[in-house]
PDB file of all heavy atoms in Angstrom:
ATOM      1  N   ALA A   1      21.194  -0.928-153.316  1.00  0.00           N
ATOM      2  CA  ALA A   1      19.887  -1.448-153.060  1.00  0.00           C
ATOM      3  C   ALA A   1      18.881  -0.996-154.021  1.00  0.00           C
ATOM      4  O   ALA A   1      17.860  -1.733-154.372  1.00  0.00           O
ATOM      5  CB  ALA A   1      19.598  -1.176-151.594  1.00  0.00           C
ATOM      6  N   VAL A   2      18.884   0.300-154.284  1.00  0.00           N
ATOM      7  CA  VAL A   2      17.966   0.886-155.208  1.00  0.00           C
ATOM      8  C   VAL A   2      17.956   0.302-156.589  1.00  0.00           C
ATOM      9  O   VAL A   2      16.924  -0.060-157.190  1.00  0.00           O
ATOM     10  CB  VAL A   2      18.005   2.413-155.261  1.00  0.00           C
ATOM     11  CG1 VAL A   2      17.045   2.928-156.234  1.00  0.00           C
ATOM     12  CG2 VAL A   2      17.823   3.132-153.791  1.00  0.00           C
ATOM     13  N   VAL A   3      19.183   0.229-157.085  1.00  0.00           N
ATOM     14  CA  VAL A   3      19.444  -0.415-158.362  1.00  0.00           C
ATOM     15  C   VAL A   3      18.920  -1.847-158.337  1.00  0.00           C
ATOM     16  O   VAL A   3      18.298  -2.287-159.294  1.00  0.00           O
ATOM     17  CB  VAL A   3      20.719  -0.226-158.834  1.00  0.00           C
ATOM     18  CG1 VAL A   3      21.043  -1.070-160.156  1.00  0.00           C
ATOM     19  CG2 VAL A   3      21.191   1.201-159.054  1.00  0.00           C
ATOM     20  N   GLY A   4      19.360  -2.454-157.312  1.00  0.00           N
ATOM     21  CA  GLY A   4      18.976  -4.030-157.268  1.00  0.00           C
ATOM     22  C   GLY A   4      17.537  -4.183-157.156  1.00  0.00           C
ATOM     23  O   GLY A   4      17.012  -5.322-157.436  1.00  0.00           O
ATOM     24  N   ALA A   5      16.545  -3.257-156.764  1.00  0.00           N
ATOM     25  CA  ALA A   5      15.325  -3.488-156.594  1.00  0.00           C
ATOM     26  C   ALA A   5      14.523  -3.311-157.926  1.00  0.00           C
ATOM     27  O   ALA A   5      13.432  -3.781-158.177  1.00  0.00           O
ATOM     28  CB  ALA A   5      14.566  -2.416-155.672  1.00  0.00           C
ATOM     29  N   VAL A   6      15.291  -2.607-158.948  1.00  0.00           N
ATOM     30  CA  VAL A   6      14.484  -2.346-160.224  1.00  0.00           C
ATOM     31  C   VAL A   6      14.158  -3.615-160.925  1.00  0.00           C
ATOM     32  O   VAL A   6      12.996  -3.629-161.562  1.00  0.00           O
ATOM     33  CB  VAL A   6      15.560  -1.489-161.134  1.00  0.00           C
ATOM     34  CG1 VAL A   6      14.951  -1.366-162.541  1.00  0.00           C
ATOM     35  CG2 VAL A   6      15.791  -0.132-160.600  1.00  0.00           C
ATOM     36  N   PRO A   7      15.104  -4.653-161.124  1.00  0.00           N
ATOM     37  CA  PRO A   7      14.599  -5.998-161.748  1.00  0.00           C
ATOM     38  C   PRO A   7      13.370  -6.513-161.100  1.00  0.00           C
ATOM     39  O   PRO A   7      12.453  -7.037-161.829  1.00  0.00           O
ATOM     40  CB  PRO A   7      15.780  -6.856-161.611  1.00  0.00           C
ATOM     41  CG  PRO A   7      16.945  -5.927-161.527  1.00  0.00           C
ATOM     42  CD  PRO A   7      16.515  -4.864-160.704  1.00  0.00           C
ATOM     43  N   PHE A   8      13.206  -6.456-159.859  1.00  0.00           N
ATOM     44  CA  PHE A   8      11.976  -7.003-159.224  1.00  0.00           C
ATOM     45  C   PHE A   8      10.715  -6.457-159.550  1.00  0.00           C
ATOM     46  O   PHE A   8       9.761  -6.872-159.923  1.00  0.00           O
ATOM     47  CB  PHE A   8      12.139  -6.870-157.592  1.00  0.00           C
ATOM     48  CG  PHE A   8      13.378  -7.747-157.052  1.00  0.00           C
ATOM     49  CD1 PHE A   8      14.037  -7.157-156.032  1.00  0.00           C
ATOM     50  CD2 PHE A   8      13.737  -8.867-157.668  1.00  0.00           C
ATOM     51  CE1 PHE A   8      15.209  -7.815-155.444  1.00  0.00           C
ATOM     52  CE2 PHE A   8      14.831  -9.551-157.073  1.00  0.00           C
ATOM     53  CZ  PHE A   8      15.658  -9.035-156.030  1.00  0.00           C
ATOM     54  N   VAL A   9      10.875  -5.055-159.615  1.00  0.00           N
ATOM     55  CA  VAL A   9       9.655  -4.184-159.985  1.00  0.00           C
ATOM     56  C   VAL A   9       9.232  -4.362-161.491  1.00  0.00           C
ATOM     57  O   VAL A   9       8.146  -4.592-161.793  1.00  0.00           O
ATOM     58  CB  VAL A   9       9.906  -2.628-159.729  1.00  0.00           C
ATOM     59  CG1 VAL A   9       8.682  -1.870-160.265  1.00  0.00           C
ATOM     60  CG2 VAL A   9      10.057  -2.418-158.310  1.00  0.00           C
ATOM     61  N   LEU A  10      10.388  -4.436-162.328  1.00  0.00           N
ATOM     62  CA  LEU A  10      10.062  -4.565-163.727  1.00  0.00           C
ATOM     63  C   LEU A  10       9.540  -6.007-164.094  1.00  0.00           C
ATOM     64  O   LEU A  10       8.723  -6.076-165.085  1.00  0.00           O
ATOM     65  CB  LEU A  10      11.376  -4.215-164.614  1.00  0.00           C
ATOM     66  CG  LEU A  10      11.857  -2.747-164.499  1.00  0.00           C
ATOM     67  CD1 LEU A  10      13.133  -2.643-165.361  1.00  0.00           C
ATOM     68  CD2 LEU A  10      10.712  -1.810-164.994  1.00  0.00           C
ATOM     69  N   ALA A  11      10.053  -6.896-163.314  1.00  0.00           N
ATOM     70  CA  ALA A  11       9.527  -8.267-163.638  1.00  0.00           C
ATOM     71  C   ALA A  11       8.034  -8.402-163.384  1.00  0.00           C
ATOM     72  O   ALA A  11       7.334  -9.153-164.002  1.00  0.00           O
ATOM     73  CB  ALA A  11      10.336  -9.273-162.888  1.00  0.00           C
ATOM     74  N   GLY A  12       7.576  -7.595-162.407  1.00  0.00           N
ATOM     75  CA  GLY A  12       6.137  -7.559-162.187  1.00  0.00           C
ATOM     76  C   GLY A  12       5.469  -8.779-161.687  1.00  0.00           C
ATOM     77  O   GLY A  12       4.342  -9.100-161.997  1.00  0.00           O
ATOM     78  N   GLN A  13       6.281  -9.546-160.938  1.00  0.00           N
ATOM     79  CA  GLN A  13       5.731 -10.983-160.438  1.00  0.00           C
ATOM     80  C   GLN A  13       5.570 -10.948-159.015  1.00  0.00           C
ATOM     81  O   GLN A  13       6.460 -10.666-158.238  1.00  0.00           O
ATOM     82  CB  GLN A  13       6.689 -12.032-160.912  1.00  0.00           C
ATOM     83  CG  GLN A  13       6.866 -12.065-162.504  1.00  0.00           C
ATOM     84  CD  GLN A  13       8.034 -13.110-162.755  1.00  0.00           C
ATOM     85  OE1 GLN A  13       9.015 -13.145-162.102  1.00  0.00           O
ATOM     86  NE2 GLN A  13       7.879 -13.693-164.021  1.00  0.00           N
ATOM     87  N   GLY A  14       4.435 -11.354-158.511  1.00  0.00           N
ATOM     88  CA  GLY A  14       4.261 -11.688-157.199  1.00  0.00           C
ATOM     89  C   GLY A  14       4.392 -10.506-156.156  1.00  0.00           C
ATOM     90  O   GLY A  14       4.210  -9.304-156.637  1.00  0.00           O
ATOM     91  N   THR A  15       4.804 -10.713-154.982  1.00  0.00           N
ATOM     92  CA  THR A  15       4.971  -9.569-153.946  1.00  0.00           C
ATOM     93  C   THR A  15       6.074  -8.740-154.366  1.00  0.00           C
ATOM     94  O   THR A  15       6.084  -7.562-153.833  1.00  0.00           O
ATOM     95  CB  THR A  15       5.267 -10.281-152.581  1.00  0.00           C
ATOM     96  OG1 THR A  15       6.473 -11.233-152.715  1.00  0.00           O
ATOM     97  CG2 THR A  15       4.028 -11.067-152.071  1.00  0.00           C
ATOM     98  N   LEU A  16       7.068  -9.139-155.072  1.00  0.00           N
ATOM     99  CA  LEU A  16       8.278  -8.354-155.340  1.00  0.00           C
ATOM    100  C   LEU A  16       7.794  -7.235-156.413  1.00  0.00           C
ATOM    101  O   LEU A  16       8.753  -6.350-156.694  1.00  0.00           O
ATOM    102  CB  LEU A  16       9.341  -9.117-155.966  1.00  0.00           C
ATOM    103  CG  LEU A  16       9.982 -10.180-154.960  1.00  0.00           C
ATOM    104  CD1 LEU A  16      11.204 -10.858-155.578  1.00  0.00           C
ATOM    105  CD2 LEU A  16      10.533  -9.401-153.701  1.00  0.00           C
ATOM    106  N   ALA A  17       6.712  -7.214-156.993  1.00  0.00           N
ATOM    107  CA  ALA A  17       6.299  -6.245-157.927  1.00  0.00           C
ATOM    108  C   ALA A  17       6.006  -4.903-157.207  1.00  0.00           C
ATOM    109  O   ALA A  17       6.140  -3.884-157.889  1.00  0.00           O
ATOM    110  CB  ALA A  17       5.006  -6.689-158.711  1.00  0.00           C
ATOM    111  N   ASP A  18       5.746  -4.980-155.952  1.00  0.00           N
ATOM    112  CA  ASP A  18       5.461  -3.784-155.171  1.00  0.00           C
ATOM    113  C   ASP A  18       6.715  -2.951-154.972  1.00  0.00           C
ATOM    114  O   ASP A  18       7.747  -3.625-154.383  1.00  0.00           O
ATOM    115  CB  ASP A  18       4.749  -4.044-153.943  1.00  0.00           C
ATOM    116  CG  ASP A  18       4.568  -2.900-153.025  1.00  0.00           C
ATOM    117  OD1 ASP A  18       3.646  -2.231-153.252  1.00  0.00           O
ATOM    118  OD2 ASP A  18       5.308  -2.627-152.010  1.00  0.00           O
ATOM    119  N   PRO A  19       6.956  -1.731-155.139  1.00  0.00           N
ATOM    120  CA  PRO A  19       8.162  -1.131-154.956  1.00  0.00           C
ATOM    121  C   PRO A  19       8.836  -1.193-153.571  1.00  0.00           C
ATOM    122  O   PRO A  19       9.892  -1.300-153.413  1.00  0.00           O
ATOM    123  CB  PRO A  19       7.947   0.399-155.444  1.00  0.00           C
ATOM    124  CG  PRO A  19       6.734   0.218-156.356  1.00  0.00           C
ATOM    125  CD  PRO A  19       5.918  -0.879-155.819  1.00  0.00           C
ATOM    126  N   VAL A  20       7.936  -0.971-152.542  1.00  0.00           N
ATOM    127  CA  VAL A  20       8.440  -1.111-151.144  1.00  0.00           C
ATOM    128  C   VAL A  20       9.038  -2.548-150.956  1.00  0.00           C
ATOM    129  O   VAL A  20       9.952  -2.703-150.372  1.00  0.00           O
ATOM    130  CB  VAL A  20       7.216  -0.882-150.091  1.00  0.00           C
ATOM    131  CG1 VAL A  20       7.745  -1.107-148.725  1.00  0.00           C
ATOM    132  CG2 VAL A  20       6.842   0.660-150.306  1.00  0.00           C
ATOM    133  N   ASN A  21       8.297  -3.516-151.349  1.00  0.00           N
ATOM    134  CA  ASN A  21       8.702  -4.847-151.227  1.00  0.00           C
ATOM    135  C   ASN A  21       9.964  -5.092-151.937  1.00  0.00           C
ATOM    136  O   ASN A  21      10.873  -5.868-151.473  1.00  0.00           O
ATOM    137  CB  ASN A  21       7.603  -5.948-151.696  1.00  0.00           C
ATOM    138  CG  ASN A  21       6.517  -6.084-150.691  1.00  0.00           C
ATOM    139  OD1 ASN A  21       6.499  -5.669-149.448  1.00  0.00           O
ATOM    140  ND2 ASN A  21       5.394  -6.586-151.215  1.00  0.00           N
ATOM    141  N   ALA A  22      10.090  -4.673-153.065  1.00  0.00           N
ATOM    142  CA  ALA A  22      11.285  -4.784-153.977  1.00  0.00           C
ATOM    143  C   ALA A  22      12.496  -4.073-153.295  1.00  0.00           C
ATOM    144  O   ALA A  22      13.557  -4.734-153.292  1.00  0.00           O
ATOM    145  CB  ALA A  22      11.003  -4.090-155.268  1.00  0.00           C
ATOM    146  N   LEU A  23      12.243  -2.927-152.659  1.00  0.00           N
ATOM    147  CA  LEU A  23      13.396  -2.308-151.958  1.00  0.00           C
ATOM    148  C   LEU A  23      13.809  -3.058-150.739  1.00  0.00           C
ATOM    149  O   LEU A  23      14.971  -3.152-150.445  1.00  0.00           O
ATOM    150  CB  LEU A  23      12.985  -0.936-151.614  1.00  0.00           C
ATOM    151  CG  LEU A  23      14.177  -0.018-150.941  1.00  0.00           C
ATOM    152  CD1 LEU A  23      15.325   0.151-151.894  1.00  0.00           C
ATOM    153  CD2 LEU A  23      13.610   1.415-150.519  1.00  0.00           C
ATOM    154  N   PHE A  24      12.771  -3.505-150.079  1.00  0.00           N
ATOM    155  CA  PHE A  24      13.041  -4.360-148.759  1.00  0.00           C
ATOM    156  C   PHE A  24      13.904  -5.604-149.181  1.00  0.00           C
ATOM    157  O   PHE A  24      14.864  -5.854-148.651  1.00  0.00           O
ATOM    158  CB  PHE A  24      11.748  -4.943-148.216  1.00  0.00           C
ATOM    159  CG  PHE A  24      11.812  -5.695-146.931  1.00  0.00           C
ATOM    160  CD1 PHE A  24      11.763  -5.159-145.798  1.00  0.00           C
ATOM    161  CD2 PHE A  24      12.062  -7.144-147.181  1.00  0.00           C
ATOM    162  CE1 PHE A  24      11.882  -5.887-144.669  1.00  0.00           C
ATOM    163  CE2 PHE A  24      12.239  -8.036-146.082  1.00  0.00           C
ATOM    164  CZ  PHE A  24      12.058  -7.309-144.726  1.00  0.00           C
ATOM    165  N   GLU A  25      13.479  -6.231-150.354  1.00  0.00           N
ATOM    166  CA  GLU A  25      14.110  -7.544-150.784  1.00  0.00           C
ATOM    167  C   GLU A  25      15.558  -7.262-151.247  1.00  0.00           C
ATOM    168  O   GLU A  25      16.552  -7.961-150.973  1.00  0.00           O
ATOM    169  CB  GLU A  25      13.456  -8.179-151.833  1.00  0.00           C
ATOM    170  CG  GLU A  25      13.832  -9.690-152.121  1.00  0.00           C
ATOM    171  CD  GLU A  25      13.191 -10.595-151.126  1.00  0.00           C
ATOM    172  OE1 GLU A  25      12.288 -10.159-150.335  1.00  0.00           O
ATOM    173  OE2 GLU A  25      13.425 -11.733-151.237  1.00  0.00           O
ATOM    174  N   SER A  26      15.659  -6.112-151.991  1.00  0.00           N
ATOM    175  CA  SER A  26      17.017  -5.778-152.489  1.00  0.00           C
ATOM    176  C   SER A  26      17.942  -5.335-151.311  1.00  0.00           C
ATOM    177  O   SER A  26      19.160  -5.679-151.340  1.00  0.00           O
ATOM    178  CB  SER A  26      16.935  -4.651-153.437  1.00  0.00           C
ATOM    179  OG  SER A  26      18.166  -4.259-154.034  1.00  0.00           O
ATOM    180  N   MET A  27      17.475  -4.542-150.389  1.00  0.00           N
ATOM    181  CA  MET A  27      18.260  -4.212-149.287  1.00  0.00           C
ATOM    182  C   MET A  27      18.582  -5.361-148.395  1.00  0.00           C
ATOM    183  O   MET A  27      19.680  -5.524-147.891  1.00  0.00           O
ATOM    184  CB  MET A  27      17.551  -3.227-148.461  1.00  0.00           C
ATOM    185  CG  MET A  27      18.476  -2.485-147.162  1.00  0.00           C
ATOM    186  SD  MET A  27      19.872  -1.704-147.765  1.00  0.00           S
ATOM    187  CE  MET A  27      19.056  -0.012-148.140  1.00  0.00           C
ATOM    188  N   SER A  28      17.740  -6.343-148.226  1.00  0.00           N
ATOM    189  CA  SER A  28      17.942  -7.495-147.458  1.00  0.00           C
ATOM    190  C   SER A  28      19.042  -8.261-148.162  1.00  0.00           C
ATOM    191  O   SER A  28      19.779  -9.075-147.571  1.00  0.00           O
ATOM    192  CB  SER A  28      16.717  -8.344-147.430  1.00  0.00           C
ATOM    193  OG  SER A  28      16.909  -9.603-146.683  1.00  0.00           O
ATOM    194  N   GLY A  29      19.032  -8.180-149.578  1.00  0.00           N
ATOM    195  CA  GLY A  29      20.079  -8.929-150.321  1.00  0.00           C
ATOM    196  C   GLY A  29      21.393  -8.244-150.064  1.00  0.00           C
ATOM    197  O   GLY A  29      22.403  -9.048-149.792  1.00  0.00           O
ATOM    198  N   ILE A  30      21.671  -7.159-150.410  1.00  0.00           N
ATOM    199  CA  ILE A  30      22.894  -6.406-150.409  1.00  0.00           C
ATOM    200  C   ILE A  30      23.470  -6.371-149.094  1.00  0.00           C
ATOM    201  O   ILE A  30      24.678  -6.316-148.865  1.00  0.00           O
ATOM    202  CB  ILE A  30      22.840  -4.974-151.187  1.00  0.00           C
ATOM    203  CG1 ILE A  30      24.262  -4.553-151.567  1.00  0.00           C
ATOM    204  CG2 ILE A  30      22.205  -3.984-150.267  1.00  0.00           C
ATOM    205  CD1 ILE A  30      24.971  -5.478-152.559  1.00  0.00           C
ATOM    206  N   THR A  31      22.601  -6.266-147.969  1.00  0.00           N
ATOM    207  CA  THR A  31      23.191  -6.192-146.610  1.00  0.00           C
ATOM    208  C   THR A  31      23.417  -7.748-146.159  1.00  0.00           C
ATOM    209  O   THR A  31      23.579  -7.820-144.907  1.00  0.00           O
ATOM    210  CB  THR A  31      22.216  -5.461-145.693  1.00  0.00           C
ATOM    211  OG1 THR A  31      20.828  -6.120-145.831  1.00  0.00           O
ATOM    212  CG2 THR A  31      22.037  -4.003-146.114  1.00  0.00           C
ATOM    213  N   THR A  32      23.150  -8.641-146.958  1.00  0.00           N
ATOM    214  CA  THR A  32      23.162 -10.112-146.562  1.00  0.00           C
ATOM    215  C   THR A  32      22.419 -10.418-145.394  1.00  0.00           C
ATOM    216  O   THR A  32      22.796 -11.288-144.518  1.00  0.00           O
ATOM    217  CB  THR A  32      24.736 -10.539-146.255  1.00  0.00           C
ATOM    218  OG1 THR A  32      25.083  -9.811-145.148  1.00  0.00           O
ATOM    219  CG2 THR A  32      25.679 -10.159-147.395  1.00  0.00           C
ATOM    220  N   THR A  33      21.073  -9.819-145.309  1.00  0.00           N
ATOM    221  CA  THR A  33      20.276 -10.151-144.208  1.00  0.00           C
ATOM    222  C   THR A  33      19.563 -11.404-144.552  1.00  0.00           C
ATOM    223  O   THR A  33      19.577 -12.395-143.662  1.00  0.00           O
ATOM    224  CB  THR A  33      19.200  -8.961-144.110  1.00  0.00           C
ATOM    225  OG1 THR A  33      20.023  -7.806-143.829  1.00  0.00           O
ATOM    226  CG2 THR A  33      18.291  -9.265-142.916  1.00  0.00           C
ATOM    227  N   GLY A  34      18.749 -11.592-145.559  1.00  0.00           N
ATOM    228  CA  GLY A  34      18.128 -12.868-145.920  1.00  0.00           C
ATOM    229  C   GLY A  34      16.675 -12.776-145.440  1.00  0.00           C
ATOM    230  O   GLY A  34      15.992 -13.861-145.633  1.00  0.00           O
ATOM    231  N   ALA A  35      16.239 -11.668-144.913  1.00  0.00           N
ATOM    232  CA  ALA A  35      14.749 -11.485-144.557  1.00  0.00           C
ATOM    233  C   ALA A  35      14.118 -11.415-146.013  1.00  0.00           C
ATOM    234  O   ALA A  35      14.554 -10.508-146.801  1.00  0.00           O
ATOM    235  CB  ALA A  35      14.509 -10.344-143.674  1.00  0.00           C
ATOM    236  N   THR A  36      12.919 -12.103-146.059  1.00  0.00           N
ATOM    237  CA  THR A  36      12.341 -12.024-147.523  1.00  0.00           C
ATOM    238  C   THR A  36      10.910 -11.768-147.382  1.00  0.00           C
ATOM    239  O   THR A  36      10.262 -12.038-146.436  1.00  0.00           O
ATOM    240  CB  THR A  36      12.470 -13.394-148.243  1.00  0.00           C
ATOM    241  OG1 THR A  36      11.968 -13.203-149.546  1.00  0.00           O
ATOM    242  CG2 THR A  36      11.694 -14.515-147.502  1.00  0.00           C
ATOM    243  N   VAL A  37      10.324 -11.159-148.446  1.00  0.00           N
ATOM    244  CA  VAL A  37       8.886 -10.743-148.628  1.00  0.00           C
ATOM    245  C   VAL A  37       8.299 -11.843-149.658  1.00  0.00           C
ATOM    246  O   VAL A  37       7.076 -11.711-149.958  1.00  0.00           O
ATOM    247  CB  VAL A  37       8.604  -9.440-148.923  1.00  0.00           C
ATOM    248  CG1 VAL A  37       8.940  -8.417-147.781  1.00  0.00           C
ATOM    249  CG2 VAL A  37       9.322  -9.064-150.219  1.00  0.00           C
ATOM    250  N   VAL A  38       9.001 -12.717-150.100  1.00  0.00           N
ATOM    251  CA  VAL A  38       8.487 -13.574-151.206  1.00  0.00           C
ATOM    252  C   VAL A  38       7.687 -14.644-150.509  1.00  0.00           C
ATOM    253  O   VAL A  38       8.134 -15.308-149.510  1.00  0.00           O
ATOM    254  CB  VAL A  38       9.731 -14.246-151.949  1.00  0.00           C
ATOM    255  CG1 VAL A  38       9.120 -15.313-152.984  1.00  0.00           C
ATOM    256  CG2 VAL A  38      10.530 -13.223-152.626  1.00  0.00           C
ATOM    257  N   VAL A  39       6.460 -14.891-151.081  1.00  0.00           N
ATOM    258  CA  VAL A  39       5.537 -15.837-150.588  1.00  0.00           C
ATOM    259  C   VAL A  39       5.176 -16.848-151.613  1.00  0.00           C
ATOM    260  O   VAL A  39       4.650 -17.906-151.453  1.00  0.00           O
ATOM    261  CB  VAL A  39       4.312 -15.264-149.959  1.00  0.00           C
ATOM    262  CG1 VAL A  39       4.539 -14.425-148.729  1.00  0.00           C
ATOM    263  CG2 VAL A  39       3.581 -14.357-150.949  1.00  0.00           C
ATOM    264  N   ASP A  40       5.622 -16.469-152.876  1.00  0.00           N
ATOM    265  CA  ASP A  40       5.236 -17.263-154.052  1.00  0.00           C
ATOM    266  C   ASP A  40       6.353 -17.512-154.928  1.00  0.00           C
ATOM    267  O   ASP A  40       6.623 -16.933-156.035  1.00  0.00           O
ATOM    268  CB  ASP A  40       4.226 -16.541-154.877  1.00  0.00           C
ATOM    269  CG  ASP A  40       4.427 -14.956-154.911  1.00  0.00           C
ATOM    270  OD1 ASP A  40       5.634 -14.548-154.674  1.00  0.00           O
ATOM    271  OD2 ASP A  40       3.536 -14.238-155.241  1.00  0.00           O
ATOM    272  N   PHE A  41       7.458 -18.288-154.402  1.00  0.00           N
ATOM    273  CA  PHE A  41       8.563 -18.680-155.170  1.00  0.00           C
ATOM    274  C   PHE A  41       8.350 -19.106-156.617  1.00  0.00           C
ATOM    275  O   PHE A  41       9.065 -18.904-157.449  1.00  0.00           O
ATOM    276  CB  PHE A  41       9.350 -19.632-154.288  1.00  0.00           C
ATOM    277  CG  PHE A  41      10.108 -19.079-153.191  1.00  0.00           C
ATOM    278  CD1 PHE A  41       9.526 -18.826-151.968  1.00  0.00           C
ATOM    279  CD2 PHE A  41      11.455 -18.708-153.265  1.00  0.00           C
ATOM    280  CE1 PHE A  41      10.106 -18.329-150.974  1.00  0.00           C
ATOM    281  CE2 PHE A  41      12.059 -18.195-152.175  1.00  0.00           C
ATOM    282  CZ  PHE A  41      11.500 -18.007-151.104  1.00  0.00           C
ATOM    283  N   ASP A  42       7.227 -19.966-156.660  1.00  0.00           N
ATOM    284  CA  ASP A  42       7.064 -20.453-158.185  1.00  0.00           C
ATOM    285  C   ASP A  42       6.589 -19.496-159.199  1.00  0.00           C
ATOM    286  O   ASP A  42       6.627 -19.781-160.316  1.00  0.00           O
ATOM    287  CB  ASP A  42       5.918 -21.507-157.991  1.00  0.00           C
ATOM    288  CG  ASP A  42       6.279 -22.743-157.195  1.00  0.00           C
ATOM    289  OD1 ASP A  42       7.586 -22.963-156.966  1.00  0.00           O
ATOM    290  OD2 ASP A  42       5.287 -23.521-156.723  1.00  0.00           O
ATOM    291  N   ARG A  43       6.278 -18.311-158.684  1.00  0.00           N
ATOM    292  CA  ARG A  43       5.922 -17.248-159.733  1.00  0.00           C
ATOM    293  C   ARG A  43       7.076 -16.493-160.245  1.00  0.00           C
ATOM    294  O   ARG A  43       6.919 -15.782-161.095  1.00  0.00           O
ATOM    295  CB  ARG A  43       4.935 -16.357-159.061  1.00  0.00           C
ATOM    296  CG  ARG A  43       3.530 -16.885-158.737  1.00  0.00           C
ATOM    297  CD  ARG A  43       2.432 -15.715-158.382  1.00  0.00           C
ATOM    298  NE  ARG A  43       2.411 -14.799-159.461  1.00  0.00           N
ATOM    299  CZ  ARG A  43       1.682 -13.679-159.470  1.00  0.00           C
ATOM    300  NH1 ARG A  43       1.000 -13.420-158.267  1.00  0.00           N
ATOM    301  NH2 ARG A  43       1.477 -12.881-160.504  1.00  0.00           N
TER     302      ARG A  43
END
């Protein structure tokens, strides 16, 4: 989950640029949860 969050932070786009959001999204991904903090898919 920690490694998976790195691309989100480095991309620096939208809500996923925040480290807490990036970790949330990555943990949601690897745990197959599907809860998202993305509000701006087009970015």
